[in-house]
Amino acid sequence: MKGQLRKTKFELMKRIILFTSMLMMISVALSQSIVGKWKTIDDETAKARSIVEIYEKEGKYYGKILQLFREEGEDPDPICDECEDHRKGKRIIGMEIISDMKFNKKDNEYHKGEIMDPENGNIYDCKLWVGEDGNLKVRGYLLFFYRTQTWLPYTGE
């Protein structure tokens, strides 16, 4: 009888440890930060387009272009001719394209900021979150239309 009781207690402890470990892993995955470097992927061609660095400044999150992946014959550091705000005529490399994002703990996402598409100069409301796969989901809104891209963690390779 004592042996059976020990076995039952041991099984219960194993389950508690397993359950606690799973909760900790889920918690870490859900709280993954967007801060870092991300490889942007064109949702139409599936080609890498740029490297964007997202950083925190005074409680808000911003993103700037560090590098462009250009085709042969394309300007390696073009000027944003399509921009209509303070970025008009500025170089795209180094340009801040994500601004004023705020973290929402309840939804575990970043929102209430903007993202600018330097190819056409359009500015969209934006929402960012890290998916279960560890990739960054980037959603730009215009009224009730939206487009979501998946950006990959950039490790420098």
C-alpha atoms as a PDB file:
ATOM      1  CA  MET A   1       0.000   0.000   0.000  1.00  0.00           C
ATOM      2  CA  LYS A   2       2.818   2.426   0.896  1.00  0.00           C
ATOM      3  CA  GLY A   3       4.542   1.713  -2.420  1.00  0.00           C
ATOM      4  CA  GLN A   4       1.363   2.485  -4.353  1.00  0.00           C
ATOM      5  CA  LEU A   5       0.886   5.751  -2.418  1.00  0.00           C
ATOM      6  CA  ARG A   6       4.495   6.815  -3.168  1.00  0.00           C
ATOM      7  CA  LYS A   7       3.991   6.024  -6.853  1.00  0.00           C
ATOM      8  CA  THR A   8       0.777   8.103  -6.929  1.00  0.00           C
ATOM      9  CA  LYS A   9       2.491  11.054  -5.196  1.00  0.00           C
ATOM     10  CA  PHE A  10       5.422  10.809  -7.617  1.00  0.00           C
ATOM     11  CA  GLU A  11       3.074  10.808 -10.631  1.00  0.00           C
ATOM     12  CA  LEU A  12       1.201  13.820  -9.221  1.00  0.00           C
ATOM     13  CA  MET A  13       4.479  15.714  -8.699  1.00  0.00           C
ATOM     14  CA  LYS A  14       5.579  14.921 -12.268  1.00  0.00           C
ATOM     15  CA  ARG A  15       2.301  16.290 -13.624  1.00  0.00           C
ATOM     16  CA  ILE A  16       2.539  19.455 -11.520  1.00  0.00           C
ATOM     17  CA  ILE A  17       6.111  20.076 -12.701  1.00  0.00           C
ATOM     18  CA  LEU A  18       5.147  19.434 -16.329  1.00  0.00           C
ATOM     19  CA  PHE A  19       2.123  21.739 -16.079  1.00  0.00           C
ATOM     20  CA  THR A  20       4.187  24.499 -14.436  1.00  0.00           C
ATOM     21  CA  SER A  21       6.892  24.192 -17.108  1.00  0.00           C
ATOM     22  CA  MET A  22       4.301  24.454 -19.866  1.00  0.00           C
ATOM     23  CA  LEU A  23       2.804  27.579 -18.278  1.00  0.00           C
ATOM     24  CA  MET A  24       6.234  29.174 -18.043  1.00  0.00           C
ATOM     25  CA  MET A  25       7.011  28.416 -21.706  1.00  0.00           C
ATOM     26  CA  ILE A  26       3.663  29.861 -22.815  1.00  0.00           C
ATOM     27  CA  SER A  27       4.254  32.961 -20.702  1.00  0.00           C
ATOM     28  CA  VAL A  28       7.706  33.505 -22.249  1.00  0.00           C
ATOM     29  CA  ALA A  29       6.335  33.011 -25.768  1.00  0.00           C
ATOM     30  CA  LEU A  30       3.479  35.421 -25.185  1.00  0.00           C
ATOM     31  CA  SER A  31       5.676  38.141 -23.745  1.00  0.00           C
ATOM     32  CA  GLN A  32       8.313  38.058 -26.476  1.00  0.00           C
ATOM     33  CA  SER A  33       9.458  41.563 -27.279  1.00  0.00           C
ATOM     34  CA  ILE A  34       9.388  43.118 -30.737  1.00  0.00           C
ATOM     35  CA  VAL A  35      12.640  44.970 -29.983  1.00  0.00           C
ATOM     36  CA  GLY A  36      15.387  43.849 -32.330  1.00  0.00           C
ATOM     37  CA  LYS A  37      16.110  43.406 -36.011  1.00  0.00           C
ATOM     38  CA  TRP A  38      13.564  41.953 -38.424  1.00  0.00           C
ATOM     39  CA  LYS A  39      13.817  40.884 -42.051  1.00  0.00           C
ATOM     40  CA  THR A  40      10.816  42.213 -43.968  1.00  0.00           C
ATOM     41  CA  ILE A  41       9.303  39.908 -46.553  1.00  0.00           C
ATOM     42  CA  ASP A  42       7.294  41.165 -49.523  1.00  0.00           C
ATOM     43  CA  ASP A  43       3.883  39.519 -49.239  1.00  0.00           C
ATOM     44  CA  GLU A  44       3.471  39.433 -53.036  1.00  0.00           C
ATOM     45  CA  THR A  45       6.893  38.111 -54.127  1.00  0.00           C
ATOM     46  CA  ALA A  46       8.001  36.404 -50.860  1.00  0.00           C
ATOM     47  CA  LYS A  47      11.416  38.062 -51.306  1.00  0.00           C
ATOM     48  CA  ALA A  48      13.347  39.748 -48.523  1.00  0.00           C
ATOM     49  CA  ARG A  49      13.002  43.528 -48.899  1.00  0.00           C
ATOM     50  CA  SER A  50      14.787  45.102 -45.949  1.00  0.00           C
ATOM     51  CA  ILE A  51      16.084  44.878 -42.409  1.00  0.00           C
ATOM     52  CA  VAL A  52      14.144  46.978 -39.912  1.00  0.00           C
ATOM     53  CA  GLU A  53      15.322  47.635 -36.377  1.00  0.00           C
ATOM     54  CA  ILE A  54      12.578  48.115 -33.800  1.00  0.00           C
ATOM     55  CA  TYR A  55      13.568  49.938 -30.629  1.00  0.00           C
ATOM     56  CA  GLU A  56      11.930  51.433 -27.544  1.00  0.00           C
ATOM     57  CA  LYS A  57      12.174  55.130 -26.737  1.00  0.00           C
ATOM     58  CA  GLU A  58      10.367  56.741 -23.788  1.00  0.00           C
ATOM     59  CA  GLY A  59       7.822  53.922 -23.530  1.00  0.00           C
ATOM     60  CA  LYS A  60       6.939  53.843 -27.237  1.00  0.00           C
ATOM     61  CA  TYR A  61       8.267  51.674 -30.031  1.00  0.00           C
ATOM     62  CA  TYR A  62       9.755  52.772 -33.342  1.00  0.00           C
ATOM     63  CA  GLY A  63      11.263  51.077 -36.358  1.00  0.00           C
ATOM     64  CA  LYS A  64      13.826  52.283 -38.869  1.00  0.00           C
ATOM     65  CA  ILE A  65      15.232  50.747 -42.030  1.00  0.00           C
ATOM     66  CA  LEU A  66      18.832  49.576 -41.640  1.00  0.00           C
ATOM     67  CA  GLN A  67      19.342  47.830 -44.962  1.00  0.00           C
ATOM     68  CA  LEU A  68      17.579  47.326 -48.295  1.00  0.00           C
ATOM     69  CA  PHE A  69      17.796  44.252 -50.505  1.00  0.00           C
ATOM     70  CA  ARG A  70      17.807  45.695 -54.003  1.00  0.00           C
ATOM     71  CA  GLU A  71      17.830  44.118 -57.442  1.00  0.00           C
ATOM     72  CA  GLU A  72      20.773  44.689 -59.759  1.00  0.00           C
ATOM     73  CA  GLY A  73      20.501  48.125 -61.346  1.00  0.00           C
ATOM     74  CA  GLU A  74      18.278  49.557 -58.602  1.00  0.00           C
ATOM     75  CA  ASP A  75      19.468  52.478 -56.496  1.00  0.00           C
ATOM     76  CA  PRO A  76      20.950  50.893 -53.336  1.00  0.00           C
ATOM     77  CA  ASP A  77      19.750  53.794 -51.151  1.00  0.00           C
ATOM     78  CA  PRO A  78      16.846  55.522 -52.887  1.00  0.00           C
ATOM     79  CA  ILE A  79      15.155  58.744 -51.876  1.00  0.00           C
ATOM     80  CA  CYS A  80      11.520  58.682 -50.768  1.00  0.00           C
ATOM     81  CA  ASP A  81       9.953  60.689 -53.582  1.00  0.00           C
ATOM     82  CA  GLU A  82       6.471  59.391 -52.758  1.00  0.00           C
ATOM     83  CA  CYS A  83       6.528  60.559 -49.137  1.00  0.00           C
ATOM     84  CA  GLU A  84       4.325  63.558 -48.410  1.00  0.00           C
ATOM     85  CA  ASP A  85       5.443  64.385 -44.878  1.00  0.00           C
ATOM     86  CA  HIS A  86       8.785  65.302 -43.267  1.00  0.00           C
ATOM     87  CA  ARG A  87      10.368  62.247 -44.967  1.00  0.00           C
ATOM     88  CA  LYS A  88       9.900  63.575 -48.513  1.00  0.00           C
ATOM     89  CA  GLY A  89      13.240  63.727 -50.295  1.00  0.00           C
ATOM     90  CA  LYS A  90      15.039  61.781 -47.542  1.00  0.00           C
ATOM     91  CA  ARG A  91      17.050  58.599 -47.964  1.00  0.00           C
ATOM     92  CA  ILE A  92      15.154  55.408 -47.164  1.00  0.00           C
ATOM     93  CA  ILE A  93      18.032  53.737 -45.320  1.00  0.00           C
ATOM     94  CA  GLY A  94      17.882  55.145 -41.791  1.00  0.00           C
ATOM     95  CA  MET A  95      14.276  56.271 -42.258  1.00  0.00           C
ATOM     96  CA  GLU A  96      11.840  55.741 -39.395  1.00  0.00           C
ATOM     97  CA  ILE A  97       8.861  53.861 -40.843  1.00  0.00           C
ATOM     98  CA  ILE A  98       7.190  52.706 -37.599  1.00  0.00           C
ATOM     99  CA  SER A  99       6.292  55.283 -34.970  1.00  0.00           C
ATOM    100  CA  ASP A 100       4.534  55.755 -31.632  1.00  0.00           C
ATOM    101  CA  MET A 101       3.581  52.109 -31.020  1.00  0.00           C
ATOM    102  CA  LYS A 102       2.310  51.374 -27.509  1.00  0.00           C
ATOM    103  CA  PHE A 103       2.314  47.987 -25.788  1.00  0.00           C
ATOM    104  CA  ASN A 104      -1.087  46.666 -24.734  1.00  0.00           C
ATOM    105  CA  LYS A 105      -0.562  44.029 -22.012  1.00  0.00           C
ATOM    106  CA  LYS A 106      -4.149  42.811 -22.206  1.00  0.00           C
ATOM    107  CA  ASP A 107      -3.887  41.815 -25.881  1.00  0.00           C
ATOM    108  CA  ASN A 108      -0.105  41.281 -25.826  1.00  0.00           C
ATOM    109  CA  GLU A 109       0.329  43.463 -28.899  1.00  0.00           C
ATOM    110  CA  TYR A 110       1.651  46.850 -29.912  1.00  0.00           C
ATOM    111  CA  HIS A 111      -0.846  49.335 -31.335  1.00  0.00           C
ATOM    112  CA  LYS A 112      -1.979  52.955 -31.719  1.00  0.00           C
ATOM    113  CA  GLY A 113       1.028  53.824 -33.858  1.00  0.00           C
ATOM    114  CA  GLU A 114       1.688  54.199 -37.553  1.00  0.00           C
ATOM    115  CA  ILE A 115       3.655  52.505 -40.284  1.00  0.00           C
ATOM    116  CA  MET A 116       4.746  54.139 -43.539  1.00  0.00           C
ATOM    117  CA  ASP A 117       5.327  52.281 -46.802  1.00  0.00           C
ATOM    118  CA  PRO A 118       8.316  54.040 -48.421  1.00  0.00           C
ATOM    119  CA  GLU A 119       7.445  52.595 -51.837  1.00  0.00           C
ATOM    120  CA  ASN A 120       4.254  54.630 -52.096  1.00  0.00           C
ATOM    121  CA  GLY A 121       4.486  57.075 -49.176  1.00  0.00           C
ATOM    122  CA  ASN A 122       1.218  55.845 -47.652  1.00  0.00           C
ATOM    123  CA  ILE A 123       0.848  55.972 -43.883  1.00  0.00           C
ATOM    124  CA  TYR A 124      -1.306  53.388 -42.110  1.00  0.00           C
ATOM    125  CA  ASP A 125      -2.502  52.748 -38.581  1.00  0.00           C
ATOM    126  CA  CYS A 126      -0.500  49.810 -37.311  1.00  0.00           C
ATOM    127  CA  LYS A 127      -0.624  46.806 -35.003  1.00  0.00           C
ATOM    128  CA  LEU A 128       2.335  44.514 -34.236  1.00  0.00           C
ATOM    129  CA  TRP A 129       2.548  41.219 -32.389  1.00  0.00           C
ATOM    130  CA  VAL A 130       4.849  38.223 -32.151  1.00  0.00           C
ATOM    131  CA  GLY A 131       3.180  35.072 -33.425  1.00  0.00           C
ATOM    132  CA  GLU A 132       3.460  31.625 -31.893  1.00  0.00           C
ATOM    133  CA  ASP A 133       6.122  30.891 -34.519  1.00  0.00           C
ATOM    134  CA  GLY A 134       8.338  33.712 -33.169  1.00  0.00           C
ATOM    135  CA  ASN A 135       7.824  35.843 -36.280  1.00  0.00           C
ATOM    136  CA  LEU A 136       6.605  39.424 -36.159  1.00  0.00           C
ATOM    137  CA  LYS A 137       3.123  40.064 -37.524  1.00  0.00           C
ATOM    138  CA  VAL A 138       2.791  43.566 -38.964  1.00  0.00           C
ATOM    139  CA  ARG A 139      -0.697  44.794 -39.811  1.00  0.00           C
ATOM    140  CA  GLY A 140      -1.346  48.121 -41.509  1.00  0.00           C
ATOM    141  CA  TYR A 141      -4.897  49.546 -41.538  1.00  0.00           C
ATOM    142  CA  LEU A 142      -6.636  52.081 -43.736  1.00  0.00           C
ATOM    143  CA  LEU A 143     -10.230  52.525 -42.560  1.00  0.00           C
ATOM    144  CA  PHE A 144     -11.490  48.934 -42.349  1.00  0.00           C
ATOM    145  CA  PHE A 145      -9.066  47.511 -44.935  1.00  0.00           C
ATOM    146  CA  TYR A 146      -5.863  45.931 -43.721  1.00  0.00           C
ATOM    147  CA  ARG A 147      -2.852  43.973 -44.866  1.00  0.00           C
ATOM    148  CA  THR A 148      -0.711  41.751 -42.665  1.00  0.00           C
ATOM    149  CA  GLN A 149       2.904  40.860 -43.335  1.00  0.00           C
ATOM    150  CA  THR A 150       5.156  38.406 -41.537  1.00  0.00           C
ATOM    151  CA  TRP A 151       8.648  39.615 -40.702  1.00  0.00           C
ATOM    152  CA  LEU A 152      11.362  37.178 -39.664  1.00  0.00           C
ATOM    153  CA  PRO A 153      13.872  37.600 -36.834  1.00  0.00           C
ATOM    154  CA  TYR A 154      17.143  38.795 -38.337  1.00  0.00           C
ATOM    155  CA  THR A 155      20.281  37.181 -37.022  1.00  0.00           C
ATOM    156  CA  GLY A 156      22.740  38.834 -39.376  1.00  0.00           C
ATOM    157  CA  GLU A 157      22.968  35.980 -41.853  1.00  0.00           C
END
